[in-house]
PDB file of N, CA and C in Angstrom:
ATOM      1  N   MET A   1      -4.592 -18.216  -7.422  1.00  0.00           N
ATOM      2  CA  MET A   1      -4.100 -18.613  -6.129  1.00  0.00           C
ATOM      3  C   MET A   1      -2.824 -17.811  -5.847  1.00  0.00           C
ATOM      4  N   ALA A   2      -2.741 -17.336  -4.630  1.00  0.00           N
ATOM      5  CA  ALA A   2      -1.577 -16.558  -4.214  1.00  0.00           C
ATOM      6  C   ALA A   2      -0.479 -17.476  -3.684  1.00  0.00           C
ATOM      7  N   ASN A   3       0.744 -16.962  -3.691  1.00  0.00           N
ATOM      8  CA  ASN A   3       1.872 -17.710  -3.131  1.00  0.00           C
ATOM      9  C   ASN A   3       1.590 -18.124  -1.689  1.00  0.00           C
ATOM     10  N   ARG A   4       0.905 -17.258  -0.924  1.00  0.00           N
ATOM     11  CA  ARG A   4       0.598 -17.569   0.472  1.00  0.00           C
ATOM     12  C   ARG A   4      -0.246 -18.844   0.557  1.00  0.00           C
ATOM     13  N   ASP A   5      -1.211 -18.997  -0.364  1.00  0.00           N
ATOM     14  CA  ASP A   5      -2.056 -20.192  -0.365  1.00  0.00           C
ATOM     15  C   ASP A   5      -1.246 -21.430  -0.720  1.00  0.00           C
ATOM     16  N   LEU A   6      -0.396 -21.310  -1.714  1.00  0.00           N
ATOM     17  CA  LEU A   6       0.428 -22.444  -2.119  1.00  0.00           C
ATOM     18  C   LEU A   6       1.398 -22.847  -1.012  1.00  0.00           C
ATOM     19  N   SER A   7       1.817 -21.887  -0.196  1.00  0.00           N
ATOM     20  CA  SER A   7       2.787 -22.191   0.853  1.00  0.00           C
ATOM     21  C   SER A   7       2.242 -23.203   1.860  1.00  0.00           C
ATOM     22  N   LEU A   8       0.935 -23.166   2.156  1.00  0.00           N
ATOM     23  CA  LEU A   8       0.366 -24.143   3.083  1.00  0.00           C
ATOM     24  C   LEU A   8       0.436 -25.544   2.507  1.00  0.00           C
ATOM     25  N   PHE A   9       0.179 -25.667   1.211  1.00  0.00           N
ATOM     26  CA  PHE A   9       0.299 -26.968   0.556  1.00  0.00           C
ATOM     27  C   PHE A   9       1.744 -27.449   0.620  1.00  0.00           C
ATOM     28  N   LEU A  10       2.689 -26.578   0.318  1.00  0.00           N
ATOM     29  CA  LEU A  10       4.101 -26.970   0.309  1.00  0.00           C
ATOM     30  C   LEU A  10       4.620 -27.232   1.720  1.00  0.00           C
ATOM     31  N   TRP A  11       4.062 -26.560   2.721  1.00  0.00           N
ATOM     32  CA  TRP A  11       4.441 -26.814   4.109  1.00  0.00           C
ATOM     33  C   TRP A  11       4.131 -28.263   4.464  1.00  0.00           C
ATOM     34  N   GLN A  12       3.016 -28.775   3.935  1.00  0.00           N
ATOM     35  CA  GLN A  12       2.613 -30.145   4.218  1.00  0.00           C
ATOM     36  C   GLN A  12       3.214 -31.147   3.245  1.00  0.00           C
ATOM     37  N   HIS A  13       3.690 -30.680   2.095  1.00  0.00           N
ATOM     38  CA  HIS A  13       4.254 -31.557   1.064  1.00  0.00           C
ATOM     39  C   HIS A  13       5.592 -30.989   0.560  1.00  0.00           C
ATOM     40  N   PRO A  14       6.605 -30.967   1.404  1.00  0.00           N
ATOM     41  CA  PRO A  14       7.879 -30.333   1.026  1.00  0.00           C
ATOM     42  C   PRO A  14       8.588 -31.020  -0.136  1.00  0.00           C
ATOM     43  N   GLN A  15       8.186 -32.221  -0.490  1.00  0.00           N
ATOM     44  CA  GLN A  15       8.831 -32.918  -1.604  1.00  0.00           C
ATOM     45  C   GLN A  15       8.599 -32.188  -2.932  1.00  0.00           C
ATOM     46  N   TYR A  16       7.665 -31.233  -2.966  1.00  0.00           N
ATOM     47  CA  TYR A  16       7.409 -30.483  -4.195  1.00  0.00           C
ATOM     48  C   TYR A  16       8.141 -29.143  -4.228  1.00  0.00           C
ATOM     49  N   MET A  17       8.978 -28.883  -3.258  1.00  0.00           N
ATOM     50  CA  MET A  17       9.737 -27.629  -3.261  1.00  0.00           C
ATOM     51  C   MET A  17      10.807 -27.654  -4.344  1.00  0.00           C
ATOM     52  N   ARG A  18      11.306 -26.495  -4.645  1.00  0.00           N
ATOM     53  CA  ARG A  18      12.291 -26.322  -5.707  1.00  0.00           C
ATOM     54  C   ARG A  18      13.526 -27.187  -5.502  1.00  0.00           C
ATOM     55  N   VAL A  19      13.939 -27.374  -4.269  1.00  0.00           N
ATOM     56  CA  VAL A  19      15.144 -28.131  -3.969  1.00  0.00           C
ATOM     57  C   VAL A  19      15.046 -29.563  -4.498  1.00  0.00           C
ATOM     58  N   HIS A  20      13.836 -30.093  -4.631  1.00  0.00           N
ATOM     59  CA  HIS A  20      13.640 -31.459  -5.101  1.00  0.00           C
ATOM     60  C   HIS A  20      13.323 -31.528  -6.596  1.00  0.00           C
ATOM     61  N   SER A  21      13.355 -30.394  -7.258  1.00  0.00           N
ATOM     62  CA  SER A  21      13.038 -30.353  -8.688  1.00  0.00           C
ATOM     63  C   SER A  21      14.310 -30.461  -9.522  1.00  0.00           C
ATOM     64  N   LYS A  22      14.222 -31.199 -10.634  1.00  0.00           N
ATOM     65  CA  LYS A  22      15.371 -31.301 -11.538  1.00  0.00           C
ATOM     66  C   LYS A  22      15.607 -29.976 -12.245  1.00  0.00           C
ATOM     67  N   THR A  23      14.525 -29.306 -12.649  1.00  0.00           N
ATOM     68  CA  THR A  23      14.625 -28.015 -13.330  1.00  0.00           C
ATOM     69  C   THR A  23      14.310 -26.924 -12.321  1.00  0.00           C
ATOM     70  N   LYS A  24      15.280 -26.102 -11.984  1.00  0.00           N
ATOM     71  CA  LYS A  24      15.089 -25.099 -10.947  1.00  0.00           C
ATOM     72  C   LYS A  24      14.788 -23.708 -11.495  1.00  0.00           C
ATOM     73  N   ASN A  25      15.115 -23.454 -12.739  1.00  0.00           N
ATOM     74  CA  ASN A  25      14.925 -22.135 -13.327  1.00  0.00           C
ATOM     75  C   ASN A  25      13.433 -21.802 -13.439  1.00  0.00           C
ATOM     76  N   GLY A  26      13.002 -20.738 -12.791  1.00  0.00           N
ATOM     77  CA  GLY A  26      11.621 -20.302 -12.854  1.00  0.00           C
ATOM     78  C   GLY A  26      10.652 -21.121 -12.027  1.00  0.00           C
ATOM     79  N   TYR A  27      11.162 -22.002 -11.187  1.00  0.00           N
ATOM     80  CA  TYR A  27      10.323 -22.869 -10.373  1.00  0.00           C
ATOM     81  C   TYR A  27       9.968 -22.162  -9.077  1.00  0.00           C
ATOM     82  N   LEU A  28       8.715 -21.827  -8.886  1.00  0.00           N
ATOM     83  CA  LEU A  28       8.227 -21.132  -7.690  1.00  0.00           C
ATOM     84  C   LEU A  28       9.041 -19.862  -7.394  1.00  0.00           C
ATOM     85  N   PRO A  29       9.028 -18.880  -8.296  1.00  0.00           N
ATOM     86  CA  PRO A  29       9.861 -17.684  -8.110  1.00  0.00           C
ATOM     87  C   PRO A  29       9.478 -16.806  -6.920  1.00  0.00           C
ATOM     88  N   GLY A  30       8.274 -16.959  -6.357  1.00  0.00           N
ATOM     89  CA  GLY A  30       7.907 -16.178  -5.176  1.00  0.00           C
ATOM     90  C   GLY A  30       8.577 -16.673  -3.908  1.00  0.00           C
ATOM     91  N   PHE A  31       9.198 -17.841  -3.976  1.00  0.00           N
ATOM     92  CA  PHE A  31       9.843 -18.424  -2.808  1.00  0.00           C
ATOM     93  C   PHE A  31      11.334 -18.108  -2.830  1.00  0.00           C
ATOM     94  N   ARG A  32      11.920 -18.019  -1.651  1.00  0.00           N
ATOM     95  CA  ARG A  32      13.362 -17.789  -1.568  1.00  0.00           C
ATOM     96  C   ARG A  32      14.017 -19.018  -0.968  1.00  0.00           C
ATOM     97  N   TYR A  33      15.209 -19.266  -1.409  1.00  0.00           N
ATOM     98  CA  TYR A  33      15.925 -20.488  -1.022  1.00  0.00           C
ATOM     99  C   TYR A  33      17.294 -20.103  -0.483  1.00  0.00           C
ATOM    100  N   THR A  34      17.328 -19.690   0.748  1.00  0.00           N
ATOM    101  CA  THR A  34      18.604 -19.341   1.382  1.00  0.00           C
ATOM    102  C   THR A  34      18.804 -20.302   2.550  1.00  0.00           C
ATOM    103  N   ASP A  35      18.830 -19.772   3.760  1.00  0.00           N
ATOM    104  CA  ASP A  35      19.002 -20.632   4.925  1.00  0.00           C
ATOM    105  C   ASP A  35      17.744 -21.433   5.243  1.00  0.00           C
ATOM    106  N   LYS A  36      16.602 -20.964   4.773  1.00  0.00           N
ATOM    107  CA  LYS A  36      15.348 -21.688   4.932  1.00  0.00           C
ATOM    108  C   LYS A  36      14.492 -21.403   3.705  1.00  0.00           C
ATOM    109  N   VAL A  37      13.612 -22.308   3.408  1.00  0.00           N
ATOM    110  CA  VAL A  37      12.721 -22.114   2.271  1.00  0.00           C
ATOM    111  C   VAL A  37      11.494 -21.383   2.778  1.00  0.00           C
ATOM    112  N   SER A  38      11.254 -20.203   2.251  1.00  0.00           N
ATOM    113  CA  SER A  38      10.080 -19.447   2.664  1.00  0.00           C
ATOM    114  C   SER A  38       9.665 -18.541   1.514  1.00  0.00           C
ATOM    115  N   ILE A  39       8.555 -17.887   1.703  1.00  0.00           N
ATOM    116  CA  ILE A  39       8.083 -16.939   0.702  1.00  0.00           C
ATOM    117  C   ILE A  39       8.668 -15.582   1.020  1.00  0.00           C
ATOM    118  N   ASP A  40       9.099 -14.887   0.007  1.00  0.00           N
ATOM    119  CA  ASP A  40       9.467 -13.488   0.181  1.00  0.00           C
ATOM    120  C   ASP A  40       8.153 -12.768   0.489  1.00  0.00           C
ATOM    121  N   PRO A  41       8.008 -12.164   1.681  1.00  0.00           N
ATOM    122  CA  PRO A  41       6.729 -11.541   2.041  1.00  0.00           C
ATOM    123  C   PRO A  41       6.196 -10.556   1.003  1.00  0.00           C
ATOM    124  N   ALA A  42       7.071  -9.932   0.244  1.00  0.00           N
ATOM    125  CA  ALA A  42       6.618  -8.993  -0.789  1.00  0.00           C
ATOM    126  C   ALA A  42       5.855  -9.702  -1.905  1.00  0.00           C
ATOM    127  N   TYR A  43       6.073 -10.999  -2.075  1.00  0.00           N
ATOM    128  CA  TYR A  43       5.407 -11.767  -3.125  1.00  0.00           C
ATOM    129  C   TYR A  43       4.297 -12.670  -2.598  1.00  0.00           C
ATOM    130  N   ALA A  44       3.991 -12.596  -1.314  1.00  0.00           N
ATOM    131  CA  ALA A  44       3.025 -13.513  -0.714  1.00  0.00           C
ATOM    132  C   ALA A  44       1.640 -13.410  -1.339  1.00  0.00           C
ATOM    133  N   ASP A  45       1.215 -12.205  -1.715  1.00  0.00           N
ATOM    134  CA  ASP A  45      -0.118 -12.026  -2.276  1.00  0.00           C
ATOM    135  C   ASP A  45      -0.126 -12.023  -3.799  1.00  0.00           C
ATOM    136  N   GLU A  46       1.043 -12.182  -4.404  1.00  0.00           N
ATOM    137  CA  GLU A  46       1.116 -12.260  -5.866  1.00  0.00           C
ATOM    138  C   GLU A  46       0.650 -13.640  -6.312  1.00  0.00           C
ATOM    139  N   TYR A  47       0.226 -13.733  -7.558  1.00  0.00           N
ATOM    140  CA  TYR A  47      -0.175 -15.036  -8.078  1.00  0.00           C
ATOM    141  C   TYR A  47       1.011 -15.980  -8.104  1.00  0.00           C
ATOM    142  N   ALA A  48       0.765 -17.216  -7.701  1.00  0.00           N
ATOM    143  CA  ALA A  48       1.815 -18.225  -7.680  1.00  0.00           C
ATOM    144  C   ALA A  48       2.162 -18.635  -9.105  1.00  0.00           C
ATOM    145  N   ILE A  49       3.437 -18.810  -9.337  1.00  0.00           N
ATOM    146  CA  ILE A  49       3.930 -19.328 -10.610  1.00  0.00           C
ATOM    147  C   ILE A  49       4.628 -20.632 -10.282  1.00  0.00           C
ATOM    148  N   SER A  50       4.144 -21.702 -10.878  1.00  0.00           N
ATOM    149  CA  SER A  50       4.740 -23.005 -10.621  1.00  0.00           C
ATOM    150  C   SER A  50       4.463 -23.906 -11.808  1.00  0.00           C
ATOM    151  N   PRO A  51       5.141 -25.035 -11.881  1.00  0.00           N
ATOM    152  CA  PRO A  51       4.850 -25.996 -12.949  1.00  0.00           C
ATOM    153  C   PRO A  51       3.391 -26.458 -12.869  1.00  0.00           C
ATOM    154  N   ALA A  52       2.837 -26.808 -14.007  1.00  0.00           N
ATOM    155  CA  ALA A  52       1.426 -27.208 -14.084  1.00  0.00           C
ATOM    156  C   ALA A  52       1.107 -28.370 -13.145  1.00  0.00           C
ATOM    157  N   GLU A  53       2.028 -29.318 -12.995  1.00  0.00           N
ATOM    158  CA  GLU A  53       1.727 -30.462 -12.136  1.00  0.00           C
ATOM    159  C   GLU A  53       1.606 -30.065 -10.667  1.00  0.00           C
ATOM    160  N   ILE A  54       2.349 -29.056 -10.239  1.00  0.00           N
ATOM    161  CA  ILE A  54       2.236 -28.582  -8.854  1.00  0.00           C
ATOM    162  C   ILE A  54       0.891 -27.881  -8.664  1.00  0.00           C
ATOM    163  N   LEU A  55       0.489 -27.060  -9.645  1.00  0.00           N
ATOM    164  CA  LEU A  55      -0.813 -26.398  -9.555  1.00  0.00           C
ATOM    165  C   LEU A  55      -1.945 -27.428  -9.528  1.00  0.00           C
ATOM    166  N   PHE A  56      -1.822 -28.471 -10.343  1.00  0.00           N
ATOM    167  CA  PHE A  56      -2.838 -29.530 -10.337  1.00  0.00           C
ATOM    168  C   PHE A  56      -2.907 -30.199  -8.959  1.00  0.00           C
ATOM    169  N   LEU A  57      -1.752 -30.558  -8.398  1.00  0.00           N
ATOM    170  CA  LEU A  57      -1.725 -31.211  -7.085  1.00  0.00           C
ATOM    171  C   LEU A  57      -2.305 -30.297  -6.012  1.00  0.00           C
ATOM    172  N   TYR A  58      -1.948 -29.002  -6.075  1.00  0.00           N
ATOM    173  CA  TYR A  58      -2.482 -28.052  -5.102  1.00  0.00           C
ATOM    174  C   TYR A  58      -4.005 -27.991  -5.191  1.00  0.00           C
ATOM    175  N   HIS A  59      -4.542 -27.840  -6.399  1.00  0.00           N
ATOM    176  CA  HIS A  59      -5.989 -27.698  -6.550  1.00  0.00           C
ATOM    177  C   HIS A  59      -6.721 -28.984  -6.161  1.00  0.00           C
ATOM    178  N   ALA A  60      -6.153 -30.133  -6.475  1.00  0.00           N
ATOM    179  CA  ALA A  60      -6.767 -31.397  -6.060  1.00  0.00           C
ATOM    180  C   ALA A  60      -6.755 -31.498  -4.533  1.00  0.00           C
ATOM    181  N   TRP A  61      -5.623 -31.164  -3.925  1.00  0.00           N
ATOM    182  CA  TRP A  61      -5.507 -31.188  -2.459  1.00  0.00           C
ATOM    183  C   TRP A  61      -6.506 -30.217  -1.834  1.00  0.00           C
ATOM    184  N   HIS A  62      -6.558 -28.994  -2.370  1.00  0.00           N
ATOM    185  CA  HIS A  62      -7.438 -27.964  -1.820  1.00  0.00           C
ATOM    186  C   HIS A  62      -8.912 -28.370  -1.963  1.00  0.00           C
ATOM    187  N   ARG A  63      -9.276 -28.887  -3.121  1.00  0.00           N
ATOM    188  CA  ARG A  63     -10.668 -29.276  -3.371  1.00  0.00           C
ATOM    189  C   ARG A  63     -11.085 -30.459  -2.512  1.00  0.00           C
ATOM    190  N   LEU A  64     -10.192 -31.440  -2.371  1.00  0.00           N
ATOM    191  CA  LEU A  64     -10.551 -32.659  -1.660  1.00  0.00           C
ATOM    192  C   LEU A  64     -10.309 -32.589  -0.152  1.00  0.00           C
ATOM    193  N   LEU A  65      -9.272 -31.861   0.255  1.00  0.00           N
ATOM    194  CA  LEU A  65      -8.884 -31.865   1.668  1.00  0.00           C
ATOM    195  C   LEU A  65      -8.841 -30.490   2.318  1.00  0.00           C
ATOM    196  N   GLY A  66      -8.956 -29.442   1.523  1.00  0.00           N
ATOM    197  CA  GLY A  66      -8.773 -28.090   2.043  1.00  0.00           C
ATOM    198  C   GLY A  66      -9.700 -27.708   3.173  1.00  0.00           C
ATOM    199  N   GLN A  67     -10.918 -28.257   3.177  1.00  0.00           N
ATOM    200  CA  GLN A  67     -11.874 -27.915   4.226  1.00  0.00           C
ATOM    201  C   GLN A  67     -11.784 -28.862   5.427  1.00  0.00           C
ATOM    202  N   ASP A  68     -11.046 -29.940   5.262  1.00  0.00           N
ATOM    203  CA  ASP A  68     -10.912 -30.911   6.343  1.00  0.00           C
ATOM    204  C   ASP A  68      -9.581 -30.718   7.061  1.00  0.00           C
ATOM    205  N   TRP A  69      -9.550 -31.063   8.303  1.00  0.00           N
ATOM    206  CA  TRP A  69      -8.312 -31.025   9.051  1.00  0.00           C
ATOM    207  C   TRP A  69      -8.400 -32.038  10.177  1.00  0.00           C
ATOM    208  N   VAL A  70      -7.257 -32.454  10.594  1.00  0.00           N
ATOM    209  CA  VAL A  70      -7.207 -33.354  11.734  1.00  0.00           C
ATOM    210  C   VAL A  70      -7.079 -32.470  12.965  1.00  0.00           C
ATOM    211  N   GLU A  71      -8.079 -32.543  13.821  1.00  0.00           N
ATOM    212  CA  GLU A  71      -8.048 -31.702  15.006  1.00  0.00           C
ATOM    213  C   GLU A  71      -7.022 -32.254  15.981  1.00  0.00           C
ATOM    214  N   ARG A  72      -6.084 -31.425  16.359  1.00  0.00           N
ATOM    215  CA  ARG A  72      -5.061 -31.826  17.309  1.00  0.00           C
ATOM    216  C   ARG A  72      -4.616 -30.601  18.072  1.00  0.00           C
ATOM    217  N   THR A  73      -4.010 -30.828  19.198  1.00  0.00           N
ATOM    218  CA  THR A  73      -3.502 -29.731  20.003  1.00  0.00           C
ATOM    219  C   THR A  73      -2.201 -29.227  19.389  1.00  0.00           C
ATOM    220  N   ILE A  74      -2.116 -27.922  19.257  1.00  0.00           N
ATOM    221  CA  ILE A  74      -0.905 -27.292  18.723  1.00  0.00           C
ATOM    222  C   ILE A  74      -0.348 -26.402  19.821  1.00  0.00           C
ATOM    223  N   GLY A  75       0.882 -26.663  20.207  1.00  0.00           N
ATOM    224  CA  GLY A  75       1.498 -25.901  21.281  1.00  0.00           C
ATOM    225  C   GLY A  75       1.952 -24.526  20.845  1.00  0.00           C
ATOM    226  N   VAL A  76       2.190 -23.689  21.810  1.00  0.00           N
ATOM    227  CA  VAL A  76       2.658 -22.327  21.552  1.00  0.00           C
ATOM    228  C   VAL A  76       3.979 -22.363  20.801  1.00  0.00           C
ATOM    229  N   ALA A  77       4.897 -23.225  21.227  1.00  0.00           N
ATOM    230  CA  ALA A  77       6.212 -23.294  20.582  1.00  0.00           C
ATOM    231  C   ALA A  77       6.076 -23.680  19.110  1.00  0.00           C
ATOM    232  N   GLU A  78       5.196 -24.640  18.807  1.00  0.00           N
ATOM    233  CA  GLU A  78       5.000 -25.055  17.412  1.00  0.00           C
ATOM    234  C   GLU A  78       4.374 -23.930  16.593  1.00  0.00           C
ATOM    235  N   SER A  79       3.436 -23.200  17.190  1.00  0.00           N
ATOM    236  CA  SER A  79       2.819 -22.067  16.495  1.00  0.00           C
ATOM    237  C   SER A  79       3.860 -21.000  16.184  1.00  0.00           C
ATOM    238  N   GLN A  80       4.716 -20.713  17.140  1.00  0.00           N
ATOM    239  CA  GLN A  80       5.745 -19.700  16.920  1.00  0.00           C
ATOM    240  C   GLN A  80       6.783 -20.178  15.909  1.00  0.00           C
ATOM    241  N   GLU A  81       7.107 -21.458  15.943  1.00  0.00           N
ATOM    242  CA  GLU A  81       8.043 -22.000  14.953  1.00  0.00           C
ATOM    243  C   GLU A  81       7.482 -21.821  13.546  1.00  0.00           C
ATOM    244  N   PHE A  82       6.189 -22.110  13.384  1.00  0.00           N
ATOM    245  CA  PHE A  82       5.546 -21.933  12.086  1.00  0.00           C
ATOM    246  C   PHE A  82       5.606 -20.474  11.644  1.00  0.00           C
ATOM    247  N   LEU A  83       5.312 -19.544  12.551  1.00  0.00           N
ATOM    248  CA  LEU A  83       5.327 -18.123  12.199  1.00  0.00           C
ATOM    249  C   LEU A  83       6.732 -17.633  11.864  1.00  0.00           C
ATOM    250  N   GLU A  84       7.747 -18.187  12.528  1.00  0.00           N
ATOM    251  CA  GLU A  84       9.118 -17.812  12.201  1.00  0.00           C
ATOM    252  C   GLU A  84       9.513 -18.357  10.842  1.00  0.00           C
ATOM    253  N   TYR A  85       9.057 -19.550  10.524  1.00  0.00           N
ATOM    254  CA  TYR A  85       9.382 -20.174   9.245  1.00  0.00           C
ATOM    255  C   TYR A  85       8.596 -19.530   8.111  1.00  0.00           C
ATOM    256  N   ALA A  86       7.308 -19.345   8.319  1.00  0.00           N
ATOM    257  CA  ALA A  86       6.419 -18.836   7.275  1.00  0.00           C
ATOM    258  C   ALA A  86       6.142 -17.357   7.525  1.00  0.00           C
ATOM    259  N   GLU A  87       7.122 -16.529   7.196  1.00  0.00           N
ATOM    260  CA  GLU A  87       7.013 -15.098   7.462  1.00  0.00           C
ATOM    261  C   GLU A  87       5.795 -14.461   6.804  1.00  0.00           C
ATOM    262  N   GLU A  88       5.323 -15.063   5.707  1.00  0.00           N
ATOM    263  CA  GLU A  88       4.159 -14.509   5.021  1.00  0.00           C
ATOM    264  C   GLU A  88       2.898 -14.624   5.857  1.00  0.00           C
ATOM    265  N   ARG A  89       2.925 -15.424   6.927  1.00  0.00           N
ATOM    266  CA  ARG A  89       1.778 -15.592   7.814  1.00  0.00           C
ATOM    267  C   ARG A  89       1.820 -14.646   9.009  1.00  0.00           C
ATOM    268  N   GLN A  90       2.868 -13.851   9.130  1.00  0.00           N
ATOM    269  CA  GLN A  90       2.940 -12.874  10.210  1.00  0.00           C
ATOM    270  C   GLN A  90       2.053 -11.685   9.835  1.00  0.00           C
ATOM    271  N   PRO A  91       1.254 -11.192  10.767  1.00  0.00           N
ATOM    272  CA  PRO A  91       0.298 -10.123  10.441  1.00  0.00           C
ATOM    273  C   PRO A  91       0.922  -8.902   9.752  1.00  0.00           C
ATOM    274  N   GLU A  92       2.140  -8.547  10.108  1.00  0.00           N
ATOM    275  CA  GLU A  92       2.752  -7.374   9.456  1.00  0.00           C
ATOM    276  C   GLU A  92       3.058  -7.623   7.980  1.00  0.00           C
ATOM    277  N   ASN A  93       3.123  -8.887   7.584  1.00  0.00           N
ATOM    278  CA  ASN A  93       3.354  -9.228   6.176  1.00  0.00           C
ATOM    279  C   ASN A  93       2.078  -9.672   5.470  1.00  0.00           C
ATOM    280  N   TRP A  94       0.953  -9.620   6.164  1.00  0.00           N
ATOM    281  CA  TRP A  94      -0.325 -10.078   5.611  1.00  0.00           C
ATOM    282  C   TRP A  94      -1.403  -9.040   5.930  1.00  0.00           C
ATOM    283  N   PRO A  95      -1.453  -7.956   5.157  1.00  0.00           N
ATOM    284  CA  PRO A  95      -2.410  -6.877   5.434  1.00  0.00           C
ATOM    285  C   PRO A  95      -3.871  -7.328   5.452  1.00  0.00           C
ATOM    286  N   ALA A  96      -4.217  -8.363   4.703  1.00  0.00           N
ATOM    287  CA  ALA A  96      -5.607  -8.817   4.631  1.00  0.00           C
ATOM    288  C   ALA A  96      -5.921  -9.936   5.631  1.00  0.00           C
ATOM    289  N   ALA A  97      -5.042 -10.166   6.585  1.00  0.00           N
ATOM    290  CA  ALA A  97      -5.275 -11.233   7.574  1.00  0.00           C
ATOM    291  C   ALA A  97      -6.552 -10.954   8.359  1.00  0.00           C
ATOM    292  N   PRO A  98      -7.337 -11.994   8.646  1.00  0.00           N
ATOM    293  CA  PRO A  98      -8.541 -11.797   9.471  1.00  0.00           C
ATOM    294  C   PRO A  98      -8.170 -11.251  10.851  1.00  0.00           C
ATOM    295  N   GLN A  99      -9.002 -10.388  11.386  1.00  0.00           N
ATOM    296  CA  GLN A  99      -8.711  -9.758  12.680  1.00  0.00           C
ATOM    297  C   GLN A  99      -8.576 -10.778  13.799  1.00  0.00           C
ATOM    298  N   ASP A 100      -9.367 -11.844  13.767  1.00  0.00           N
ATOM    299  CA  ASP A 100      -9.248 -12.885  14.795  1.00  0.00           C
ATOM    300  C   ASP A 100      -7.870 -13.535  14.748  1.00  0.00           C
ATOM    301  N   TYR A 101      -7.335 -13.701  13.549  1.00  0.00           N
ATOM    302  CA  TYR A 101      -6.001 -14.278  13.389  1.00  0.00           C
ATOM    303  C   TYR A 101      -4.950 -13.335  13.966  1.00  0.00           C
ATOM    304  N   VAL A 102      -5.074 -12.047  13.673  1.00  0.00           N
ATOM    305  CA  VAL A 102      -4.121 -11.052  14.185  1.00  0.00           C
ATOM    306  C   VAL A 102      -4.118 -11.069  15.713  1.00  0.00           C
ATOM    307  N   LYS A 103      -5.305 -11.116  16.312  1.00  0.00           N
ATOM    308  CA  LYS A 103      -5.401 -11.165  17.776  1.00  0.00           C
ATOM    309  C   LYS A 103      -4.769 -12.444  18.327  1.00  0.00           C
ATOM    310  N   PHE A 104      -4.990 -13.557  17.638  1.00  0.00           N
ATOM    311  CA  PHE A 104      -4.402 -14.823  18.059  1.00  0.00           C
ATOM    312  C   PHE A 104      -2.875 -14.743  18.067  1.00  0.00           C
ATOM    313  N   VAL A 105      -2.298 -14.223  16.987  1.00  0.00           N
ATOM    314  CA  VAL A 105      -0.839 -14.120  16.887  1.00  0.00           C
ATOM    315  C   VAL A 105      -0.297 -13.182  17.956  1.00  0.00           C
ATOM    316  N   GLN A 106      -0.977 -12.080  18.187  1.00  0.00           N
ATOM    317  CA  GLN A 106      -0.534 -11.151  19.225  1.00  0.00           C
ATOM    318  C   GLN A 106      -0.581 -11.801  20.604  1.00  0.00           C
ATOM    319  N   GLY A 107      -1.540 -12.696  20.822  1.00  0.00           N
ATOM    320  CA  GLY A 107      -1.665 -13.386  22.102  1.00  0.00           C
ATOM    321  C   GLY A 107      -0.619 -14.464  22.326  1.00  0.00           C
ATOM    322  N   LEU A 108       0.061 -14.901  21.261  1.00  0.00           N
ATOM    323  CA  LEU A 108       1.076 -15.946  21.421  1.00  0.00           C
ATOM    324  C   LEU A 108       2.219 -15.500  22.329  1.00  0.00           C
ATOM    325  N   ALA A 109       2.606 -14.244  22.237  1.00  0.00           N
ATOM    326  CA  ALA A 109       3.701 -13.752  23.082  1.00  0.00           C
ATOM    327  C   ALA A 109       3.327 -13.882  24.556  1.00  0.00           C
ATOM    328  N   TYR A 110       2.082 -13.583  24.873  1.00  0.00           N
ATOM    329  CA  TYR A 110       1.620 -13.715  26.254  1.00  0.00           C
ATOM    330  C   TYR A 110       1.597 -15.188  26.673  1.00  0.00           C
ATOM    331  N   LEU A 111       1.086 -16.054  25.791  1.00  0.00           N
ATOM    332  CA  LEU A 111       0.995 -17.474  26.114  1.00  0.00           C
ATOM    333  C   LEU A 111       2.363 -18.133  26.271  1.00  0.00           C
ATOM    334  N   LYS A 112       3.362 -17.590  25.590  1.00  0.00           N
ATOM    335  CA  LYS A 112       4.706 -18.182  25.671  1.00  0.00           C
ATOM    336  C   LYS A 112       5.244 -18.158  27.091  1.00  0.00           C
ATOM    337  N   MET A 113       4.751 -17.233  27.895  1.00  0.00           N
ATOM    338  CA  MET A 113       5.217 -17.157  29.284  1.00  0.00           C
ATOM    339  C   MET A 113       4.860 -18.414  30.068  1.00  0.00           C
ATOM    340  N   PHE A 114       3.852 -19.138  29.593  1.00  0.00           N
ATOM    341  CA  PHE A 114       3.419 -20.354  30.264  1.00  0.00           C
ATOM    342  C   PHE A 114       3.878 -21.541  29.432  1.00  0.00           C
ATOM    343  N   SER A 115       4.978 -22.155  29.809  1.00  0.00           N
ATOM    344  CA  SER A 115       5.632 -23.171  28.980  1.00  0.00           C
ATOM    345  C   SER A 115       4.759 -24.390  28.695  1.00  0.00           C
ATOM    346  N   ASN A 116       3.825 -24.710  29.564  1.00  0.00           N
ATOM    347  CA  ASN A 116       3.002 -25.903  29.334  1.00  0.00           C
ATOM    348  C   ASN A 116       1.669 -25.589  28.675  1.00  0.00           C
ATOM    349  N   THR A 117       1.474 -24.357  28.261  1.00  0.00           N
ATOM    350  CA  THR A 117       0.204 -23.961  27.655  1.00  0.00           C
ATOM    351  C   THR A 117       0.059 -24.637  26.310  1.00  0.00           C
ATOM    352  N   ARG A 118      -1.109 -25.204  26.056  1.00  0.00           N
ATOM    353  CA  ARG A 118      -1.419 -25.838  24.779  1.00  0.00           C
ATOM    354  C   ARG A 118      -2.596 -25.082  24.155  1.00  0.00           C
ATOM    355  N   LEU A 119      -2.568 -24.958  22.857  1.00  0.00           N
ATOM    356  CA  LEU A 119      -3.654 -24.281  22.157  1.00  0.00           C
ATOM    357  C   LEU A 119      -4.649 -25.299  21.660  1.00  0.00           C
ATOM    358  N   PRO A 120      -5.944 -24.957  21.627  1.00  0.00           N
ATOM    359  CA  PRO A 120      -6.947 -25.909  21.142  1.00  0.00           C
ATOM    360  C   PRO A 120      -6.816 -26.144  19.656  1.00  0.00           C
TER     361      PRO A 120
END
């Protein structure tokens, strides 16, 4: 599993981030902890290094819930906030991103012009 994959789990479960760990040395080294917690884009595709219990929780979450999602409307502002926070999800930092995703992200700038636009 790559750091990019683990980041989605941690985005939804921030209580497992390094800041909440008693032992910080070597805990999620692909992540940076400065003004915001994010992945260093250079390490996004590297294998994640984390304590065994975090890997177990991630795999259980992914196996049981990874294919399911709660369908809800996501606004342009929320999408852009996510992309600003999770730099590893920006197409320039994700060479293997699906082309449909790249087109979607490129279209966000256009959609931002319409403040009430909601995404499906």
